Protein backbone atom coordinates (compact mmCIF):
# COMPACT_ATOMS: atom_id res chain seq x y z
CA MET A 1 -12.25 39.35 60.44
CA GLN A 2 -14.41 36.35 61.19
CA ARG A 3 -13.26 33.10 59.46
CA VAL A 4 -15.99 31.04 57.89
CA THR A 5 -15.53 27.25 57.90
CA CYS A 6 -17.50 25.19 55.38
CA ARG A 7 -18.72 21.82 56.58
CA GLY A 8 -21.20 19.08 55.64
CA THR A 9 -23.99 20.31 53.39
CA CYS A 10 -22.05 23.47 52.71
CA TRP A 11 -19.58 21.53 50.50
CA VAL A 12 -22.46 19.93 48.74
CA THR A 13 -23.80 23.39 47.89
CA VAL A 14 -20.37 24.48 46.64
CA LEU A 15 -19.92 21.47 44.41
CA LEU A 16 -23.42 21.85 43.08
CA VAL A 17 -22.64 25.43 42.10
CA VAL A 18 -19.40 24.28 40.40
CA CYS A 19 -21.15 21.48 38.53
CA LEU A 20 -23.90 23.81 37.37
CA SER A 21 -21.25 26.16 36.11
CA ILE A 22 -19.57 23.31 34.18
CA LEU A 23 -22.82 22.16 32.78
CA ALA A 24 -23.36 25.65 31.33
CA LEU A 25 -20.05 25.23 29.45
CA GLY A 26 -20.65 21.78 28.17
CA GLY A 27 -20.86 19.07 30.80
CA CYS A 28 -20.43 17.67 34.26
CA ASP A 29 -21.02 13.98 33.70
CA VAL A 30 -22.75 12.24 36.52
CA LEU A 31 -22.55 8.69 35.20
CA PRO A 32 -20.77 6.13 37.41
CA THR A 33 -16.99 6.30 37.51
CA GLY A 34 -15.28 3.83 35.15
CA GLN A 35 -17.77 4.05 32.32
CA THR A 36 -16.68 5.43 28.96
CA THR A 37 -18.13 7.66 26.25
CA SER A 38 -17.16 9.26 22.97
CA ALA A 39 -20.00 11.66 22.67
CA GLY A 40 -19.30 14.92 20.84
CA LEU A 41 -16.25 13.63 18.92
CA PRO A 42 -16.29 13.60 15.03
CA THR A 43 -16.86 10.15 13.71
CA SER A 44 -14.24 8.30 11.59
CA PRO A 45 -15.75 5.19 10.04
CA GLN A 46 -13.26 2.34 9.65
CA VAL A 47 -12.91 1.13 6.07
CA THR A 48 -11.79 -2.22 4.72
CA HIS A 49 -8.15 -2.26 3.73
CA ARG A 50 -7.46 -1.91 0.03
CA PRO A 51 -4.17 -3.33 -1.21
CA ALA A 52 -1.89 -1.63 -3.64
CA LEU A 53 -3.46 -1.21 -7.08
CA SER A 54 -1.61 -1.23 -10.41
CA VAL A 55 -3.52 -0.46 -13.61
CA MET A 56 -2.42 -0.68 -17.24
CA TYR A 57 -4.96 1.09 -19.45
CA CYS A 58 -4.71 0.87 -23.22
CA PRO A 59 -7.38 2.79 -25.28
CA GLU A 60 -7.23 2.33 -29.00
CA THR A 61 -6.52 5.41 -31.17
CA THR A 62 -6.58 3.82 -34.69
CA GLY A 63 -9.15 4.62 -37.35
CA ASN A 64 -10.72 1.21 -36.74
CA TYR A 65 -12.04 2.31 -33.32
CA GLU A 66 -14.75 4.88 -32.97
CA ARG A 67 -13.46 8.03 -31.32
CA SER A 68 -16.64 8.45 -29.32
CA LEU A 69 -15.96 5.08 -27.67
CA PHE A 70 -12.39 6.26 -26.93
CA HIS A 71 -13.74 9.27 -24.99
CA GLN A 72 -16.41 7.29 -23.18
CA ALA A 73 -13.86 4.63 -22.07
CA ASN A 74 -11.49 7.35 -20.78
CA ALA A 75 -14.34 8.91 -18.79
CA LEU A 76 -15.19 5.49 -17.25
CA VAL A 77 -11.62 4.78 -16.25
CA ALA A 78 -11.24 8.23 -14.75
CA GLN A 79 -14.52 7.81 -12.80
CA SER A 80 -13.37 4.35 -11.60
CA ILE A 81 -10.06 5.66 -10.26
CA LEU A 82 -11.72 8.51 -8.37
CA ALA A 83 -14.29 6.08 -6.89
CA MET A 84 -11.68 3.73 -5.44
CA LEU A 85 -9.82 6.44 -3.42
CA GLN A 86 -10.11 5.78 0.32
CA ALA A 87 -8.32 5.75 3.62
CA ASN A 88 -6.64 2.50 4.70
CA SER A 89 -5.15 1.90 1.26
CA ASP A 90 -1.67 1.04 -0.05
CA GLY A 91 -1.55 3.48 -2.94
CA ALA A 92 -1.90 3.04 -6.65
CA ILE A 93 -0.12 3.54 -9.96
CA VAL A 94 -2.02 3.84 -13.20
CA TYR A 95 -0.41 3.87 -16.69
CA VAL A 96 -2.24 5.16 -19.75
CA THR A 97 -0.74 3.89 -23.05
CA LEU A 98 -2.30 4.73 -26.40
CA LEU A 99 -3.02 1.62 -28.36
CA ASP A 100 -2.03 1.60 -32.03
CA ARG A 101 0.30 -0.62 -34.02
CA ALA A 102 3.26 0.16 -31.71
CA PRO A 103 2.05 0.95 -28.16
CA ALA A 104 5.40 -0.19 -26.65
CA ARG A 105 7.19 2.94 -27.92
CA PRO A 106 7.86 5.42 -25.07
CA GLU A 107 5.80 8.29 -26.54
CA ALA A 108 2.68 6.10 -26.50
CA SER A 109 2.62 6.16 -22.69
CA VAL A 110 0.96 9.56 -22.21
CA LEU A 111 -0.20 9.66 -18.56
CA THR A 112 0.94 8.10 -15.28
CA LEU A 113 -0.84 8.57 -11.97
CA THR A 114 1.00 7.67 -8.76
CA LEU A 115 -0.88 7.78 -5.44
CA PRO A 116 0.73 7.30 -2.06
CA ALA A 117 -0.66 5.02 0.68
CA VAL A 118 -3.23 6.54 3.00
CA PRO A 119 -3.48 5.12 6.57
CA GLN A 120 -6.63 4.04 8.32
CA LEU A 121 -8.74 6.68 10.00
CA PRO A 122 -8.06 6.63 13.78
CA ALA A 123 -10.56 4.92 15.98
CA VAL A 124 -12.69 7.20 18.11
CA PRO A 125 -11.24 7.08 21.63
CA ALA A 126 -13.36 5.86 24.56
CA LEU A 127 -13.35 8.75 27.04
CA THR A 128 -13.71 8.04 30.76
CA VAL A 129 -16.79 9.49 32.30
CA THR A 130 -16.14 12.21 34.90
CA PRO A 131 -16.48 10.84 38.45
CA THR A 132 -19.49 12.07 40.39
CA ALA A 133 -19.14 14.54 43.25
CA ASP A 134 -18.58 13.03 46.72
CA SER A 135 -19.82 15.13 49.62
CA ASN A 136 -17.77 13.04 52.02
CA SER A 137 -14.52 13.70 50.18
CA PRO A 138 -14.86 16.78 48.00
CA PHE A 139 -11.18 17.46 47.55
CA SER A 140 -10.50 13.83 46.48
CA ALA A 141 -13.43 13.89 44.06
CA ALA A 142 -12.26 17.16 42.54
CA GLN A 143 -8.77 15.74 42.01
CA LYS A 144 -10.16 12.61 40.35
CA GLN A 145 -12.31 14.77 38.10
CA ALA A 146 -9.38 16.93 37.13
CA THR A 147 -7.25 13.82 36.33
CA VAL A 148 -10.00 12.22 34.23
CA GLY A 149 -10.62 15.53 32.50
CA ALA A 150 -6.96 15.97 31.59
CA ALA A 151 -6.68 12.43 30.25
CA ASN A 152 -9.80 12.81 28.18
CA GLN A 153 -8.61 16.09 26.79
CA GLN A 154 -5.24 14.54 25.81
CA ALA A 155 -7.03 11.60 24.12
CA THR A 156 -9.36 13.99 22.29
CA ASP A 157 -6.57 16.28 21.07
CA THR A 158 -4.56 13.25 19.81
CA TYR A 159 -7.51 11.78 18.00
CA GLU A 160 -8.45 15.07 16.32
CA GLN A 161 -4.86 15.64 15.21
CA GLN A 162 -4.59 12.10 13.74
CA LEU A 163 -8.02 12.43 12.03
CA LYS A 164 -7.07 15.73 10.50
CA GLN A 165 -3.75 14.33 9.27
CA VAL A 166 -5.42 11.39 7.52
CA GLN A 167 -8.11 13.62 6.06
CA ASN A 168 -5.46 15.89 4.65
CA GLN A 169 -3.59 13.00 3.13
CA LEU A 170 -6.78 11.69 1.50
CA ALA A 171 -7.72 15.17 0.23
CA ALA A 172 -4.27 15.56 -1.34
CA ALA A 173 -4.61 12.15 -3.10
CA GLN A 174 -8.10 13.12 -4.33
CA GLN A 175 -6.79 16.35 -5.74
CA THR A 176 -3.92 14.59 -7.55
CA ALA A 177 -6.30 12.00 -8.95
CA GLN A 178 -8.83 14.66 -9.99
CA THR A 179 -6.14 16.55 -11.98
CA TRP A 180 -5.12 13.28 -13.71
CA ALA A 181 -8.72 12.29 -14.37
CA ASP A 182 -9.36 15.70 -16.02
CA GLN A 183 -6.29 15.13 -18.25
CA LEU A 184 -7.50 11.65 -19.17
CA ARG A 185 -10.98 12.90 -20.09
CA ALA A 186 -9.41 15.67 -22.25
CA LEU A 187 -7.14 13.32 -24.23
CA ASP A 188 -7.70 13.67 -27.95
CA PRO A 189 -4.66 12.39 -29.82
CA PRO A 190 -4.34 12.14 -33.58
CA VAL A 191 -5.59 9.01 -35.23
CA GLY A 192 -2.83 6.41 -34.90
CA ALA A 193 -1.69 3.84 -37.48
CA GLY A 194 -3.28 0.43 -37.17
CA PRO A 195 -4.04 -2.29 -36.68
CA ALA A 196 -4.05 -2.22 -32.90
CA ASN A 197 -1.18 -4.29 -31.46
CA VAL A 198 -2.78 -5.53 -28.27
CA TRP A 199 0.05 -8.07 -27.81
CA GLN A 200 2.51 -5.18 -27.18
CA CYS A 201 0.12 -3.72 -24.60
CA VAL A 202 0.00 -7.11 -22.82
CA GLN A 203 3.80 -7.37 -23.05
CA LEU A 204 4.27 -3.94 -21.56
CA ALA A 205 1.75 -4.68 -18.82
CA SER A 206 3.66 -7.81 -17.94
CA HIS A 207 6.89 -5.84 -17.45
CA ARG A 208 5.21 -3.17 -15.39
CA PHE A 209 3.22 -5.54 -13.23
CA HIS A 210 6.33 -7.54 -12.47
CA GLU A 211 7.62 -4.52 -10.47
CA THR A 212 4.52 -3.98 -8.39
CA ALA A 213 2.54 -5.77 -5.63
CA GLY A 214 -1.15 -5.99 -4.83
CA GLU A 215 -4.04 -6.06 -7.22
CA LYS A 216 -3.40 -5.58 -10.96
CA TYR A 217 -5.75 -4.64 -13.73
CA LEU A 218 -5.18 -4.68 -17.48
CA VAL A 219 -7.93 -2.48 -18.97
CA LEU A 220 -8.39 -2.38 -22.73
CA ALA A 221 -10.74 -0.22 -24.77
CA SER A 222 -10.48 -1.36 -28.35
CA THR A 223 -11.52 -3.55 -31.22
CA LEU A 224 -10.98 -7.30 -30.96
CA PRO A 225 -8.14 -8.14 -33.30
CA SER A 226 -6.94 -11.68 -33.47
CA PRO A 227 -4.72 -12.54 -30.45
CA GLY A 228 -2.45 -14.61 -32.64
CA ASN A 229 -0.25 -17.28 -31.11
CA SER A 230 -0.55 -16.71 -27.38
CA SER A 231 2.04 -19.34 -26.62
CA THR A 232 4.70 -16.65 -27.22
CA TRP A 233 3.13 -14.27 -24.69
CA TYR A 234 4.60 -13.06 -21.46
CA GLN A 235 2.84 -14.37 -18.41
CA LEU A 236 0.63 -11.72 -16.73
CA GLY A 237 0.20 -13.64 -13.50
CA SER A 238 -2.50 -14.80 -11.12
CA GLN A 239 -3.03 -11.39 -9.53
CA VAL A 240 -4.10 -9.79 -12.82
CA HIS A 241 -7.64 -9.00 -13.73
CA VAL A 242 -8.48 -8.10 -17.34
CA ARG A 243 -11.38 -5.80 -18.19
CA TRP A 244 -12.14 -5.15 -21.89
CA ILE A 245 -14.49 -2.14 -21.99
CA PHE A 246 -16.30 -0.57 -24.92
CA SER A 247 -15.12 -3.45 -27.05
CA GLY A 248 -15.67 -2.77 -30.75
CA CYS A 249 -16.85 -5.43 -33.17
CA ALA A 250 -19.09 -5.55 -36.19
CA ASP A 251 -21.84 -7.85 -34.88
CA ILE A 252 -22.74 -10.30 -32.11
CA PRO A 253 -21.16 -13.41 -33.81
CA SER A 254 -17.87 -11.54 -34.43
CA CYS A 255 -17.93 -10.27 -30.83
CA ARG A 256 -18.38 -13.82 -29.46
CA THR A 257 -15.67 -15.16 -31.68
CA GLY A 258 -13.29 -12.42 -30.63
CA GLU A 259 -14.11 -12.74 -26.93
CA ASP A 260 -13.63 -16.52 -27.05
CA ALA A 261 -10.25 -16.22 -28.78
CA TRP A 262 -9.07 -13.59 -26.37
CA GLY A 263 -10.44 -15.49 -23.36
CA ARG A 264 -8.31 -18.47 -24.28
CA ALA A 265 -5.24 -16.31 -24.84
CA LEU A 266 -5.68 -14.44 -21.58
CA SER A 267 -6.21 -17.68 -19.66
CA ALA A 268 -2.97 -18.94 -21.15
CA ALA A 269 -1.29 -15.81 -19.82
CA GLY A 270 -2.35 -16.89 -16.34
CA VAL A 271 -4.77 -14.08 -15.41
CA THR A 272 -7.23 -14.34 -12.54
CA ASP A 273 -10.30 -13.43 -14.59
CA HIS A 274 -11.26 -11.57 -17.77
CA LEU A 275 -14.51 -9.80 -18.56
CA PHE A 276 -15.71 -8.26 -21.83
CA PHE A 277 -18.17 -5.37 -22.04
CA ASP A 278 -19.49 -4.07 -25.34
CA ALA A 279 -20.50 -0.43 -25.71
CA GLY A 280 -23.97 -0.90 -24.33
CA GLU A 281 -22.78 -2.95 -21.36
CA SER A 282 -19.95 -0.52 -20.66
CA GLN A 283 -22.33 2.44 -20.43
CA THR A 284 -24.09 0.74 -17.47
CA LEU A 285 -20.85 0.42 -15.46
CA ASN A 286 -20.13 2.72 -12.56
CA ALA A 287 -16.69 1.42 -11.78
CA ILE A 288 -14.20 -1.11 -13.19
CA PHE A 289 -12.18 -2.16 -10.21
CA GLY A 290 -13.65 -4.85 -7.93
CA SER A 291 -14.78 -8.47 -8.01
CA PRO A 292 -15.94 -9.82 -11.30
CA HIS A 293 -19.48 -10.10 -9.85
CA THR A 294 -19.72 -6.38 -9.14
CA ALA A 295 -17.58 -4.97 -11.92
């Protein structure tokens, strides 16, 4: 049997056939060695870190507060919680406490949502471009190509595994939050005895916030009863934002009087900021949590 030896241009022909075969399957990159690419990989946009979030939400259930406003406020809070879910976040806890004359009693706290932290989505790896064929050293070129290919495959597999893991964690958090949001929207408790004791809601929020880190929101949906002597209040702290949504009052002067009185009381409690939204303003909101300029 005659032995055929392949030399010179013969190896070029062989390598060309191999590369054409690889191209048919998805690629034989002929860019210069050392360059990188991430083409073909699923994207994972990096998102700004969101610190831990603690929310105390008190919607009024007394006969002094329109039940339609109660339901609209619950829907807005549910929507706001779902909207803030993201990767690269430190989790959240949300307390829902019905506001009547004694909201501090245990049975008034009807819903609690606890969400775990979700890590950042992994960065798309930079894959090394496959070295070009070298007719002068075909075996060496093939070895380099195989080494680069194996490293790229390992980086791709690791990235896709990490991406899937974070996506699954986020999907689980979204499912948990969706179930809670549906329960919040469906709340329809009996009319509670009044007047609304907002002071007890503030007091309870102070205790709960003391045990948590990160951003803190006290959200109230109620009438604007007199805050009374705020000098006896517990301090809420400088990390607390107050959002009074669907605030109920008889007319514009009474609204302004109530908001001014509560503004002074909340400032005395040391909060970062406090914003009031009447029914009309509240209906234009898409989310509650965020800076006071975009709330």
